[in-house]
Structure formats: structure tokens, C-alpha cells
C-alpha atoms as a PDB file:
ATOM      1  CA  UNK A   1     -33.198 -21.337  49.191  1.00  0.00           C
ATOM      2  CA  UNK A   2     -33.329 -18.878  52.102  1.00  0.00           C
ATOM      3  CA  UNK A   3     -30.409 -16.895  50.719  1.00  0.00           C
ATOM      4  CA  UNK A   4     -31.976 -16.686  47.268  1.00  0.00           C
ATOM      5  CA  UNK A   5     -35.358 -15.628  48.658  1.00  0.00           C
ATOM      6  CA  UNK A   6     -33.815 -12.918  50.833  1.00  0.00           C
ATOM      7  CA  UNK A   7     -31.284 -11.945  48.134  1.00  0.00           C
ATOM      8  CA  UNK A   8     -28.360 -12.515  50.496  1.00  0.00           C
ATOM      9  CA  UNK A   9     -25.248 -14.606  50.283  1.00  0.00           C
ATOM     10  CA  UNK A  10     -25.319 -18.085  51.770  1.00  0.00           C
ATOM     11  CA  UNK A  11     -22.462 -17.052  54.036  1.00  0.00           C
ATOM     12  CA  UNK A  12     -24.580 -14.204  55.480  1.00  0.00           C
ATOM     13  CA  UNK A  13     -27.499 -16.562  56.121  1.00  0.00           C
ATOM     14  CA  UNK A  14     -25.255 -19.093  57.868  1.00  0.00           C
ATOM     15  CA  UNK A  15     -23.648 -16.344  59.950  1.00  0.00           C
ATOM     16  CA  UNK A  16     -27.025 -15.035  61.126  1.00  0.00           C
ATOM     17  CA  UNK A  17     -28.332 -18.533  61.890  1.00  0.00           C
ATOM     18  CA  UNK A  18     -25.250 -19.361  63.951  1.00  0.00           C
ATOM     19  CA  UNK A  19     -25.429 -16.069  65.844  1.00  0.00           C
ATOM     20  CA  UNK A  20     -28.986 -16.761  67.015  1.00  0.00           C
ATOM     21  CA  UNK A  21     -30.133 -13.253  66.013  1.00  0.00           C
ATOM     22  CA  UNK A  22     -32.649 -12.455  63.324  1.00  0.00           C
ATOM     23  CA  UNK A  23     -30.942  -9.299  62.033  1.00  0.00           C
ATOM     24  CA  UNK A  24     -28.532  -9.394  59.106  1.00  0.00           C
ATOM     25  CA  UNK A  25     -25.252  -7.697  59.993  1.00  0.00           C
ATOM     26  CA  UNK A  26     -24.369  -4.623  57.958  1.00  0.00           C
ATOM     27  CA  UNK A  27     -21.356  -4.995  55.682  1.00  0.00           C
ATOM     28  CA  UNK A  28     -18.183  -3.758  57.317  1.00  0.00           C
ATOM     29  CA  UNK A  29     -16.459  -2.097  54.392  1.00  0.00           C
ATOM     30  CA  UNK A  30     -15.996   1.343  52.967  1.00  0.00           C
ATOM     31  CA  UNK A  31     -17.867   2.066  49.795  1.00  0.00           C
ATOM     32  CA  UNK A  32     -15.239   3.054  47.259  1.00  0.00           C
ATOM     33  CA  UNK A  33     -17.758   4.652  44.906  1.00  0.00           C
ATOM     34  CA  UNK A  34     -19.124   7.067  47.518  1.00  0.00           C
ATOM     35  CA  UNK A  35     -17.332  10.104  46.043  1.00  0.00           C
ATOM     36  CA  UNK A  36     -18.714   9.229  42.586  1.00  0.00           C
ATOM     37  CA  UNK A  37     -22.428   8.800  43.408  1.00  0.00           C
ATOM     38  CA  UNK A  38     -23.510  12.005  41.694  1.00  0.00           C
ATOM     39  CA  UNK A  39     -21.418  11.240  38.611  1.00  0.00           C
ATOM     40  CA  UNK A  40     -22.768   7.669  38.460  1.00  0.00           C
ATOM     41  CA  UNK A  41     -26.330   8.988  38.663  1.00  0.00           C
ATOM     42  CA  UNK A  42     -25.638  11.466  35.824  1.00  0.00           C
ATOM     43  CA  UNK A  43     -24.001   8.827  33.645  1.00  0.00           C
ATOM     44  CA  UNK A  44     -26.783   6.334  34.360  1.00  0.00           C
ATOM     45  CA  UNK A  45     -29.313   8.810  32.970  1.00  0.00           C
ATOM     46  CA  UNK A  46     -27.066   9.840  30.051  1.00  0.00           C
ATOM     47  CA  UNK A  47     -26.281   6.233  29.075  1.00  0.00           C
ATOM     48  CA  UNK A  48     -29.946   5.181  29.330  1.00  0.00           C
ATOM     49  CA  UNK A  49     -29.224   2.699  32.120  1.00  0.00           C
ATOM     50  CA  UNK A  50     -26.500   0.751  30.281  1.00  0.00           C
ATOM     51  CA  UNK A  51     -24.072   0.046  33.105  1.00  0.00           C
ATOM     52  CA  UNK A  52     -21.361  -1.231  30.787  1.00  0.00           C
ATOM     53  CA  UNK A  53     -21.287   2.173  29.145  1.00  0.00           C
ATOM     54  CA  UNK A  54     -21.398   3.921  32.538  1.00  0.00           C
ATOM     55  CA  UNK A  55     -18.347   1.894  33.592  1.00  0.00           C
ATOM     56  CA  UNK A  56     -16.489   2.800  30.384  1.00  0.00           C
ATOM     57  CA  UNK A  57     -17.080   6.489  31.080  1.00  0.00           C
ATOM     58  CA  UNK A  58     -15.939   6.118  34.696  1.00  0.00           C
ATOM     59  CA  UNK A  59     -12.800   4.212  33.692  1.00  0.00           C
ATOM     60  CA  UNK A  60     -11.984   6.858  31.082  1.00  0.00           C
ATOM     61  CA  UNK A  61     -12.101   9.395  33.916  1.00  0.00           C
ATOM     62  CA  UNK A  62      -9.694   7.282  35.989  1.00  0.00           C
ATOM     63  CA  UNK A  63     -12.041   5.267  38.218  1.00  0.00           C
ATOM     64  CA  UNK A  64     -11.055   1.685  38.983  1.00  0.00           C
ATOM     65  CA  UNK A  65     -14.269  -0.186  39.685  1.00  0.00           C
ATOM     66  CA  UNK A  66     -15.325  -3.592  38.422  1.00  0.00           C
ATOM     67  CA  UNK A  67     -18.601  -4.047  36.585  1.00  0.00           C
ATOM     68  CA  UNK A  68     -19.883  -6.177  39.477  1.00  0.00           C
ATOM     69  CA  UNK A  69     -19.056  -3.474  42.017  1.00  0.00           C
ATOM     70  CA  UNK A  70     -20.777  -0.839  39.896  1.00  0.00           C
ATOM     71  CA  UNK A  71     -23.860  -3.011  39.469  1.00  0.00           C
ATOM     72  CA  UNK A  72     -24.062  -3.689  43.215  1.00  0.00           C
ATOM     73  CA  UNK A  73     -23.609  -0.022  43.973  1.00  0.00           C
ATOM     74  CA  UNK A  74     -26.398   0.935  41.568  1.00  0.00           C
ATOM     75  CA  UNK A  75     -28.719  -1.695  43.058  1.00  0.00           C
ATOM     76  CA  UNK A  76     -28.127  -0.430  46.588  1.00  0.00           C
ATOM     77  CA  UNK A  77     -28.809   3.135  45.423  1.00  0.00           C
ATOM     78  CA  UNK A  78     -32.004   2.097  43.612  1.00  0.00           C
ATOM     79  CA  UNK A  79     -30.814   2.923  40.088  1.00  0.00           C
ATOM     80  CA  UNK A  80     -31.489  -0.634  38.877  1.00  0.00           C
ATOM     81  CA  UNK A  81     -33.473  -3.559  40.262  1.00  0.00           C
END
């Protein structure tokens, strides 16, 4: 319930509760789509927000990103809610 309310994974909630701190740790990974942010923004506007179509365009250009990764990236950037 806490994880769903905060829109976090259950693992993250458990980790924070066990640590005794109230801050959620930042993810420790490189963002693979960082070099493509401008292109993703352009395609998002061109494809009228249809992320499946955005992914098709990216894959045609040689990008290797799953639909889930693209969706998460767009949510973090504020393209979609």
C-alpha cells in the first residue's frame, strides 16, 4: 500500500524502512537514453504521444530500448503522467 501510494517499488520501500532513514535512495544506474532525450521529445510531439510509435522510430534508427524503459524515461522527464 505504501509503495503504491508513493509510486515506488516494494523493494525500495523495504530498503528505506530497514535503513531507518526517510529519504528514498536515488537509483544507481546510468540512463541509457540520455543521448536521445532531444530525439525522444521530438518524436513524442510528432507521434502525438503514442510511445509505441516513438519506440518504432527509435528502433528504426538503431536504438535498443524496451517499451518499459522508454515509458519510464518519458515519465521521469514529464512527457507522460
